[in-house]
Protein backbone atom coordinates (compact mmCIF):
# COMPACT_ATOMS: atom_id res chain seq x y z
CA MET A 1 -3.50 17.47 16.37
CA HIS A 2 -0.61 15.21 15.48
CA ASP A 3 2.07 16.90 13.16
CA ASP A 4 4.00 13.70 12.52
CA PHE A 5 4.24 12.46 8.73
CA LEU A 6 4.67 8.91 7.80
CA PRO A 7 6.97 8.27 4.84
CA ALA A 8 6.29 5.55 2.58
CA GLU A 9 8.98 2.85 1.76
CA GLY A 10 9.55 1.66 -1.57
CA PRO A 11 10.27 2.91 -5.01
CA ALA A 12 9.11 6.35 -6.45
CA LEU A 13 5.90 6.38 -8.44
CA PRO A 14 6.54 5.82 -12.10
CA SER A 15 5.34 9.25 -13.09
CA GLU A 16 8.01 10.77 -10.70
CA ARG A 17 10.87 8.82 -11.95
CA PRO A 18 12.99 9.28 -15.21
CA ALA A 19 13.07 6.36 -17.60
CA GLN A 20 16.73 6.02 -16.95
CA ASP A 21 16.45 5.36 -13.21
CA ARG A 22 13.95 2.50 -13.72
CA SER A 23 16.53 -0.21 -13.89
CA LEU A 24 16.06 -3.60 -12.53
CA ALA A 25 18.64 -2.93 -9.69
CA SER A 26 16.63 0.25 -8.29
CA VAL A 27 13.15 -1.45 -8.40
CA PRO A 28 12.36 -4.19 -6.03
CA ALA A 29 10.53 -7.15 -7.61
CA PRO A 30 6.90 -7.64 -6.96
CA ALA A 31 5.95 -10.14 -4.53
CA ALA A 32 4.81 -13.73 -5.46
CA ALA A 33 1.27 -12.76 -4.64
CA HIS A 34 0.99 -10.01 -7.25
CA ARG A 35 0.14 -11.30 -10.59
CA ARG A 36 0.01 -8.92 -13.50
CA ALA A 37 -2.55 -9.11 -16.41
CA SER A 38 -1.38 -8.67 -19.96
CA ALA A 39 -1.54 -5.01 -21.06
CA ARG A 40 -4.59 -3.69 -23.19
CA PRO A 41 -4.98 -0.35 -25.07
CA ARG A 42 -5.41 2.61 -22.86
CA VAL A 43 -8.85 4.43 -22.68
CA SER A 44 -9.98 7.43 -20.88
CA ARG A 45 -9.96 7.36 -17.31
CA ARG A 46 -13.11 9.16 -16.89
CA THR A 47 -14.74 7.25 -13.81
CA LEU A 48 -17.92 6.78 -11.77
CA LEU A 49 -18.20 5.34 -8.28
CA ALA A 50 -21.27 3.06 -8.12
CA ALA A 51 -24.16 3.60 -5.80
CA ALA A 52 -24.40 0.59 -3.47
CA ALA A 53 -26.88 -1.55 -1.66
CA GLY A 54 -27.52 -5.37 -1.50
CA THR A 55 -29.41 -8.51 -3.03
CA ALA A 56 -30.22 -9.89 -6.49
CA LEU A 57 -32.44 -12.37 -8.52
CA LEU A 58 -32.50 -14.30 -12.03
CA GLY A 59 -35.09 -13.15 -14.88
CA ALA A 60 -38.31 -14.92 -14.00
CA PRO A 61 -41.88 -14.78 -14.76
CA ALA A 62 -44.05 -12.16 -13.00
CA LEU A 63 -44.10 -12.76 -9.29
CA VAL A 64 -46.86 -11.92 -6.71
CA VAL A 65 -45.70 -10.48 -3.39
CA ALA A 66 -47.75 -10.06 -0.37
CA LEU A 67 -48.01 -6.66 1.07
CA LYS A 68 -49.40 -6.02 4.79
CA ALA A 69 -52.43 -4.00 4.88
CA ALA A 70 -54.57 -2.57 7.75
CA GLY A 71 -57.02 -5.45 7.34
CA GLY A 72 -54.62 -8.25 6.68
CA GLN A 73 -52.63 -8.97 3.44
CA ARG A 74 -53.04 -8.08 -0.17
CA ALA A 75 -51.23 -9.40 -3.03
CA ARG A 76 -49.65 -7.61 -5.87
CA ARG A 77 -48.42 -9.07 -9.24
CA LEU A 78 -45.14 -7.51 -10.44
CA ASP A 79 -43.45 -7.17 -13.85
CA PRO A 80 -41.25 -9.97 -14.93
CA ALA A 81 -37.54 -9.24 -13.59
CA PRO A 82 -35.15 -8.68 -16.57
CA GLU A 83 -32.64 -11.66 -17.76
CA PRO A 84 -29.17 -11.23 -16.86
CA ARG A 85 -26.90 -10.00 -19.79
CA TRP A 86 -24.24 -12.31 -18.36
CA VAL A 87 -23.20 -14.07 -15.20
CA TYR A 88 -19.75 -14.27 -13.57
CA ARG A 89 -19.02 -17.32 -11.36
CA GLY A 90 -15.82 -17.07 -9.39
CA GLU A 91 -14.42 -17.19 -5.97
CA PRO A 92 -16.42 -15.59 -2.98
CA LEU A 93 -16.96 -11.86 -3.09
CA VAL A 94 -16.01 -9.34 -0.46
CA GLN A 95 -18.98 -7.58 0.86
CA ALA A 96 -18.41 -4.35 -1.16
CA PRO A 97 -20.18 -2.59 -4.10
CA ALA A 98 -18.53 -2.73 -7.69
CA VAL A 99 -16.74 0.27 -9.03
CA PHE A 100 -17.37 1.43 -12.63
CA ASN A 101 -14.54 2.38 -14.89
CA GLU A 102 -15.08 3.15 -18.61
CA GLY A 103 -17.39 0.11 -19.48
CA THR A 104 -15.88 -2.01 -16.77
CA ALA A 105 -16.77 -2.99 -13.21
CA LEU A 106 -14.15 -3.74 -10.44
CA VAL A 107 -14.97 -6.09 -7.77
CA LYS A 108 -13.05 -7.73 -5.13
CA THR A 109 -12.98 -11.42 -3.86
CA ARG A 110 -12.26 -12.97 -0.54
CA PRO A 111 -8.90 -14.72 -1.57
CA GLY A 112 -7.54 -11.26 -2.10
CA THR A 113 -8.14 -10.43 -5.71
CA MET A 114 -9.33 -7.40 -7.81
CA VAL A 115 -11.58 -8.46 -10.67
CA CYS A 116 -12.27 -6.30 -13.77
CA LEU A 117 -15.50 -7.56 -15.64
CA ASP A 118 -16.61 -6.10 -18.98
CA LEU A 119 -20.03 -4.54 -18.64
CA GLU A 120 -21.18 -5.80 -22.12
CA ASN A 121 -20.09 -9.50 -21.28
CA GLY A 122 -18.50 -9.89 -17.90
CA SER A 123 -18.59 -13.72 -17.93
CA ARG A 124 -14.95 -13.92 -18.26
CA PRO A 125 -12.68 -11.41 -16.53
CA LYS A 126 -10.65 -8.96 -18.43
CA TRP A 127 -7.87 -8.96 -15.86
CA VAL A 128 -7.32 -10.40 -12.27
CA TYR A 129 -4.92 -8.84 -9.88
CA ARG A 130 -4.04 -11.03 -6.63
CA GLY A 131 -2.49 -9.73 -3.35
CA ILE A 132 -4.85 -7.17 -1.96
CA SER A 133 -6.35 -7.34 1.58
CA LEU A 134 -10.11 -8.33 2.35
CA SER A 135 -10.97 -4.86 3.52
CA PRO A 136 -14.71 -4.58 3.31
CA THR A 137 -14.83 -1.38 1.27
CA PRO A 138 -14.80 -0.85 -2.69
CA VAL A 139 -11.86 -0.14 -4.61
CA LEU A 140 -10.84 3.55 -4.94
CA LEU A 141 -10.22 5.30 -8.36
CA THR A 142 -7.81 8.02 -7.79
CA TYR A 143 -4.43 9.05 -9.07
CA GLY A 144 -4.81 7.36 -12.28
CA ALA A 145 -5.10 3.99 -10.62
CA ALA A 146 -7.49 1.38 -8.79
CA VAL A 147 -6.42 1.56 -5.34
CA ALA A 148 -6.53 -1.08 -2.80
CA LEU A 149 -5.09 -2.13 0.62
CA GLY A 150 -2.25 -4.56 0.92
CA THR A 151 -0.73 -6.19 3.88
CA GLY A 152 0.34 -4.35 6.64
CA ALA A 153 0.38 -0.66 5.88
CA THR A 154 0.66 -0.97 2.26
CA LEU A 155 -1.31 0.99 -0.63
CA ILE A 156 -1.31 -0.54 -4.03
CA GLY A 157 -2.45 1.16 -7.16
CA VAL A 158 -3.31 -1.09 -10.12
CA ASP A 159 -3.91 0.36 -13.77
CA PRO A 160 -7.63 0.06 -14.06
CA VAL A 161 -7.46 -0.76 -17.79
CA SER A 162 -4.59 -3.31 -18.13
CA GLY A 163 -4.47 -4.76 -14.44
CA ILE A 164 -0.63 -4.05 -14.11
CA GLU A 165 0.43 -2.74 -10.86
CA GLN A 166 1.65 0.96 -10.83
CA PHE A 167 2.78 1.49 -7.45
CA THR A 168 3.03 -0.14 -3.99
CA LEU A 169 3.76 2.27 -1.00
CA ASP A 170 4.50 0.65 2.24
CA PHE A 171 4.51 2.87 5.40
CA GLY A 172 6.32 0.49 7.70
CA GLU A 173 5.69 -2.09 10.36
CA ASP A 174 4.63 0.29 13.27
CA PHE A 175 1.31 0.90 11.34
CA ARG A 176 -1.51 -0.99 10.01
CA PHE A 177 -4.17 -0.22 7.44
CA ASP A 178 -7.52 -1.79 7.79
CA GLN A 179 -10.13 0.11 5.63
CA LEU A 180 -9.91 2.54 2.91
CA LEU A 181 -12.68 5.19 3.61
CA GLY A 182 -12.62 7.63 0.40
CA SER A 183 -10.46 9.89 -1.53
CA CYS A 184 -10.31 13.46 -2.75
CA ASP A 185 -8.37 15.79 -4.84
CA GLY A 186 -7.31 13.01 -7.31
CA TYR A 187 -4.29 12.01 -5.10
CA ALA A 188 -5.39 11.69 -1.32
CA VAL A 189 -7.13 8.75 0.34
CA SER A 190 -8.16 8.39 3.82
CA VAL A 191 -7.51 5.03 5.75
CA LEU A 192 -8.87 3.67 9.18
CA GLY A 193 -6.07 1.86 10.92
CA ALA A 194 -4.11 1.36 13.91
CA ARG A 195 -0.56 2.53 15.39
CA LEU A 196 1.55 -0.55 16.79
CA GLN A 197 3.60 -0.27 19.73
CA ARG A 198 6.64 -2.54 19.41
CA GLN A 199 7.18 -4.95 22.26
CA SER A 200 10.09 -6.68 20.53
CA ALA A 201 11.45 -6.99 16.91
CA GLU A 202 8.91 -9.67 15.97
CA GLN A 203 5.79 -8.47 17.79
CA GLY A 204 3.37 -5.41 17.36
CA VAL A 205 0.51 -4.66 19.90
CA ALA A 206 -2.19 -2.13 18.57
CA THR A 207 -2.59 0.50 21.19
CA SER A 208 -5.33 2.03 18.97
CA THR A 209 -7.68 0.33 16.38
CA SER A 210 -9.19 3.80 15.50
CA THR A 211 -6.53 5.72 13.90
CA VAL A 212 -7.46 7.66 10.67
CA PHE A 213 -4.71 8.53 8.21
CA GLY A 214 -4.79 11.01 5.41
CA VAL A 215 -2.31 9.47 2.80
CA ASP A 216 -0.88 11.67 -0.05
CA LEU A 217 -0.21 9.43 -2.77
CA LYS A 218 1.69 11.99 -4.83
CA ALA A 219 4.09 12.87 -1.59
CA ARG A 220 4.01 9.44 -0.56
CA ARG A 221 3.47 10.31 3.06
CA ALA A 222 0.63 9.88 5.50
CA LEU A 223 -0.78 12.34 8.14
CA VAL A 224 -2.48 11.17 11.32
CA ILE A 225 -5.87 12.97 11.41
CA PRO A 226 -6.80 14.04 14.96
CA ILE A 227 -9.83 12.02 15.45
CA ASP A 228 -10.29 10.58 19.05
CA PRO A 229 -11.05 6.81 19.05
CA GLU A 230 -14.58 7.43 20.86
CA ASP A 231 -15.26 9.94 18.08
CA VAL A 232 -14.56 7.57 15.34
CA GLY A 233 -16.88 4.93 16.88
CA VAL A 234 -17.28 1.32 15.58
CA ASP A 235 -18.73 1.82 12.02
CA LEU A 236 -16.90 4.67 10.46
CA ARG A 237 -18.67 5.40 6.81
CA PRO A 238 -17.76 8.92 5.88
CA VAL A 239 -18.72 10.78 2.84
CA ILE A 240 -15.47 12.51 1.59
CA THR A 241 -15.69 15.57 -0.83
CA SER A 242 -12.91 17.93 -1.99
CA ASP A 243 -13.15 19.97 0.99
CA TYR A 244 -15.15 17.98 3.72
CA PHE A 245 -14.81 14.78 5.68
CA VAL A 246 -18.45 13.91 6.75
CA TYR A 247 -19.36 11.17 8.97
CA ALA A 248 -21.65 9.88 12.00
CA ASP A 249 -19.38 9.99 15.07
CA GLY A 250 -19.23 7.56 18.08
CA LEU A 251 -20.65 10.17 20.20
CA ARG A 252 -23.94 10.35 18.08
CA ASN A 253 -23.24 13.46 16.33
CA VAL A 254 -23.02 14.45 12.67
CA SER A 255 -19.56 15.74 12.47
CA VAL A 256 -17.67 17.72 9.69
CA ARG A 257 -14.06 17.94 9.42
CA ASN A 258 -11.88 19.68 6.92
CA ALA A 259 -10.56 17.38 4.21
CA ARG A 260 -7.61 19.74 3.96
CA ASP A 261 -5.23 21.37 6.48
CA GLY A 262 -4.86 18.26 8.84
CA GLY A 263 -8.72 17.42 9.26
CA GLY A 264 -9.65 20.09 11.95
CA LEU A 265 -13.18 19.93 13.06
CA LEU A 266 -15.74 22.37 11.36
CA TRP A 267 -18.84 21.63 13.26
CA ARG A 268 -20.86 19.07 15.14
CA HIS A 269 -24.70 18.46 15.08
CA PRO A 270 -26.07 16.33 17.88
CA VAL A 271 -28.48 13.52 16.84
CA GLY A 272 -28.93 11.17 19.53
CA HIS A 273 -28.59 7.39 20.46
CA ASP A 274 -30.41 6.27 17.40
CA LEU A 275 -28.30 7.96 14.70
CA ARG A 276 -27.52 5.56 11.96
CA PRO A 277 -23.86 5.24 10.63
CA GLY A 278 -24.50 5.99 7.12
CA LEU A 279 -24.80 9.58 5.91
CA ALA A 280 -25.44 11.06 2.39
CA VAL A 281 -24.31 14.30 0.87
CA LEU A 282 -26.11 15.95 -2.09
CA GLY A 283 -24.69 19.21 -3.15
CA ARG A 284 -24.39 21.51 0.01
CA THR A 285 -26.71 19.42 2.09
CA VAL A 286 -25.89 16.49 4.51
CA PHE A 287 -28.69 13.67 5.18
CA ALA A 288 -28.83 11.97 8.34
CA LEU A 289 -31.16 9.52 9.87
CA GLY A 290 -32.22 9.00 13.37
CA SER A 291 -35.74 8.88 15.01
CA GLU A 292 -36.41 11.18 11.89
CA LEU A 293 -34.72 12.31 8.48
CA ILE A 294 -32.69 15.42 8.91
CA ALA A 295 -31.07 17.88 6.35
CA LEU A 296 -27.93 20.04 7.52
CA ASP A 297 -26.14 22.70 5.77
CA LEU A 298 -22.84 21.27 4.63
CA GLY A 299 -21.05 24.46 5.40
CA ASN A 300 -22.13 25.32 9.05
CA GLY A 301 -24.25 22.45 10.25
CA GLU A 302 -27.78 24.35 10.37
CA LEU A 303 -30.78 22.49 10.25
CA ARG A 304 -32.56 22.96 6.99
CA TRP A 305 -35.53 20.80 7.65
CA ARG A 306 -36.58 17.41 9.16
CA ALA A 307 -39.02 14.73 8.28
CA ARG A 308 -40.61 12.42 10.79
CA ALA A 309 -41.79 8.77 9.98
CA GLU A 310 -45.38 8.39 10.38
CA ARG A 311 -44.98 5.04 12.16
CA GLY A 312 -42.00 2.78 12.68
CA SER A 313 -38.73 4.35 11.79
CA PHE A 314 -36.27 4.98 9.22
CA ALA A 315 -33.22 2.86 8.60
CA SER A 316 -31.11 3.37 5.42
CA LEU A 317 -30.78 6.01 2.75
CA GLY A 318 -29.61 6.99 -0.88
CA VAL A 319 -29.83 10.24 -2.70
CA GLY A 320 -30.06 11.09 -6.50
CA GLY A 321 -31.08 13.99 -8.64
CA SER A 322 -33.34 16.15 -6.41
CA THR A 323 -34.52 13.24 -4.23
CA VAL A 324 -33.72 11.48 -0.94
CA TYR A 325 -34.94 7.95 -0.46
CA VAL A 326 -35.24 6.27 2.89
CA THR A 327 -36.31 2.88 4.05
CA GLY A 328 -38.97 2.35 6.66
CA THR A 329 -39.98 -0.24 8.93
CA ASP A 330 -43.67 0.02 9.78
CA PRO A 331 -45.00 -0.62 7.09
CA HIS A 332 -41.87 -1.86 5.19
CA GLY A 333 -41.12 0.09 2.07
CA VAL A 334 -39.15 3.29 0.70
CA HIS A 335 -40.12 6.86 1.12
CA ALA A 336 -39.22 9.77 -1.23
CA PHE A 337 -38.54 13.13 -0.21
CA ASP A 338 -37.75 16.44 -1.87
CA ALA A 339 -34.26 17.18 -1.11
CA ALA A 340 -34.70 20.91 -1.09
CA ASN A 341 -37.59 21.14 1.34
CA GLY A 342 -38.40 17.49 2.64
CA SER A 343 -41.78 17.36 1.24
CA ARG A 344 -42.91 13.64 0.73
CA ARG A 345 -43.17 12.77 -2.88
CA TRP A 346 -44.23 9.06 -2.54
CA PHE A 347 -44.13 5.97 -0.44
CA CYS A 348 -43.74 2.49 -1.78
CA GLU A 349 -44.79 -0.56 0.17
CA THR A 350 -42.46 -3.68 0.06
CA PRO A 351 -41.98 -6.83 1.65
CA ARG A 352 -39.48 -6.74 4.49
CA LEU A 353 -36.22 -5.31 3.53
CA ASN A 354 -32.64 -5.51 4.52
CA VAL A 355 -32.15 -1.90 6.09
CA ASP A 356 -28.29 -2.41 6.75
CA THR A 357 -27.30 -1.51 3.42
CA PRO A 358 -27.74 1.75 1.34
CA ILE A 359 -30.27 2.26 -1.30
CA ALA A 360 -28.77 1.96 -4.67
CA VAL A 361 -30.00 4.96 -6.80
CA GLY A 362 -30.15 4.55 -10.60
CA ALA A 363 -31.25 6.94 -13.53
CA HIS A 364 -34.85 5.85 -13.32
CA ALA A 365 -35.00 3.44 -10.47
CA VAL A 366 -33.85 2.70 -6.96
CA TYR A 367 -32.89 -0.74 -5.78
CA VAL A 368 -33.24 -2.38 -2.23
CA PRO A 369 -32.38 -5.81 -0.86
CA ALA A 370 -34.89 -8.14 0.54
CA PHE A 371 -34.45 -9.09 4.26
CA GLU A 372 -33.56 -12.80 3.20
CA THR A 373 -30.96 -12.98 0.71
CA ARG A 374 -33.04 -15.94 -1.13
CA ASN A 375 -35.57 -13.18 -2.07
CA GLY A 376 -33.21 -11.12 -3.80
CA PHE A 377 -33.98 -7.26 -4.39
CA TYR A 378 -36.63 -4.96 -5.45
CA ALA A 379 -36.45 -2.33 -8.16
CA ILE A 380 -38.90 0.72 -7.72
CA ASP A 381 -39.74 3.51 -10.16
CA ALA A 382 -38.06 6.67 -9.14
CA ALA A 383 -40.58 8.99 -10.52
CA SER A 384 -43.75 7.52 -9.45
CA GLY A 385 -42.75 4.95 -6.64
CA ARG A 386 -44.30 1.91 -8.20
CA LEU A 387 -42.74 -1.34 -7.16
CA LEU A 388 -41.45 -2.69 -10.68
CA TRP A 389 -40.07 -6.20 -10.15
CA ASN A 390 -38.03 -8.51 -7.81
CA PHE A 391 -34.89 -10.15 -9.05
CA THR A 392 -33.47 -13.19 -7.14
CA ASP A 393 -31.13 -16.33 -7.85
CA GLY A 394 -33.05 -18.13 -5.04
CA ARG A 395 -30.05 -18.92 -2.94
CA GLU A 396 -30.05 -18.43 0.64
CA THR A 397 -26.52 -17.33 1.63
CA GLY A 398 -26.94 -16.20 5.15
CA VAL A 399 -24.72 -13.06 6.13
CA ASN A 400 -23.43 -12.86 2.35
CA ASN A 401 -25.74 -9.97 1.33
CA TRP A 402 -26.44 -8.64 -2.01
CA GLN A 403 -24.24 -5.76 -3.23
CA LEU A 404 -25.99 -3.59 -5.84
CA SER A 405 -24.33 -0.82 -8.00
CA CYS A 406 -25.66 1.22 -10.85
CA ASP A 407 -23.65 3.49 -13.04
CA GLY A 408 -26.50 5.90 -14.41
CA ALA A 409 -25.91 4.63 -17.88
CA GLY A 410 -28.07 1.69 -17.87
CA HIS A 411 -25.95 -0.94 -16.15
CA LEU A 412 -26.83 -2.61 -12.82
CA VAL A 413 -24.48 -4.97 -11.29
CA ALA A 414 -25.56 -7.31 -8.75
CA GLN A 415 -23.21 -9.20 -6.59
CA HIS A 416 -24.25 -12.42 -4.44
CA PHE A 417 -21.74 -14.63 -2.53
CA ASP A 418 -19.72 -16.03 -5.59
CA ARG A 419 -21.63 -14.59 -8.58
CA VAL A 420 -22.09 -11.28 -10.31
CA TYR A 421 -24.90 -10.40 -12.51
CA GLY A 422 -24.81 -7.88 -15.10
CA LEU A 423 -28.47 -6.48 -15.61
CA PRO A 424 -29.96 -3.92 -17.78
CA ALA A 425 -31.17 -1.17 -15.22
CA ALA A 426 -34.82 -0.24 -15.06
């Protein structure tokens, strides 16, 4: 374990400094790339991180989809897809789901902007903040701010209501922050990045691209979490709770670390070469996918139950209520399992799906993206497993997958390349 702390450079946070100390002489001017939006009245900061997935469609007549059956193909007519309440057209979007905050959705664009859209009419942004990195992860809502990465080893906090910059923390030129991983305790965030070995005053060479930092926004310091590079792997997607850092490691184990006290390892559970990188946590249970769906005790890693695919394999998952939803590949579709005991509740057959993104779980439906982006995504009734409708804008955008988010309060936000669709959730 590394005991070194990295102090952040830059002014103290607004909440820590008396008003008389906040003079123009003591506060550096913001960088030219940072543009502040006009202030708006404050509202409650109660927030909800969106569930994510990927793909979308425009309201259309009822569609007929072909489903593979034992004797060939059979056709099924779907309900009409809902019409979007609004459409936002802007710059190309980062492949990261929207984050909900008190009647708004926060999205990121590739030029390096954070955009705030009103859920009732998001055709024009409420505010735009420029100067964030292109990290392929959503904005984090913590410490009273919408937090994103800047250049180098910089963390930026923006007021989610007004879009005004609240703080910028720079941890120096010897480090690089690449990806926000998650947050806990209302002030701590985890970041994937690198240590840089300075060969000269102008150049830095990364000695490791797999360093995990635990950043305390309140204390303005970063602790190096002792995770070896081979343990991190190539696709780190942890689930971070107030007590646990849960992830699929590079050695094909489900690993759980303490979210406090330096990130010490609590337990590992070996899965095998087919372990998928995305995990889910529901209550005190961890769900992981390999050759089967397994449920592990969050506290000690003991196996609670397992469920095998009758044919093919499981690929991606999502959780909500008391149910675990899993995509399958033969036949294509979505399985629903009881989270407590692993019993199968239903299976919904679908056309081929994009199984590299999580399932978006809403209050009454789950949403899964189609394999080809021009085919949008599908809505499935969460209680019965009935295939409801297919939404698409008909555009084939290659690797620009749909990103789906729902807030549990009737809002569904679907992002596709340079457009954001505000839809009523099923």
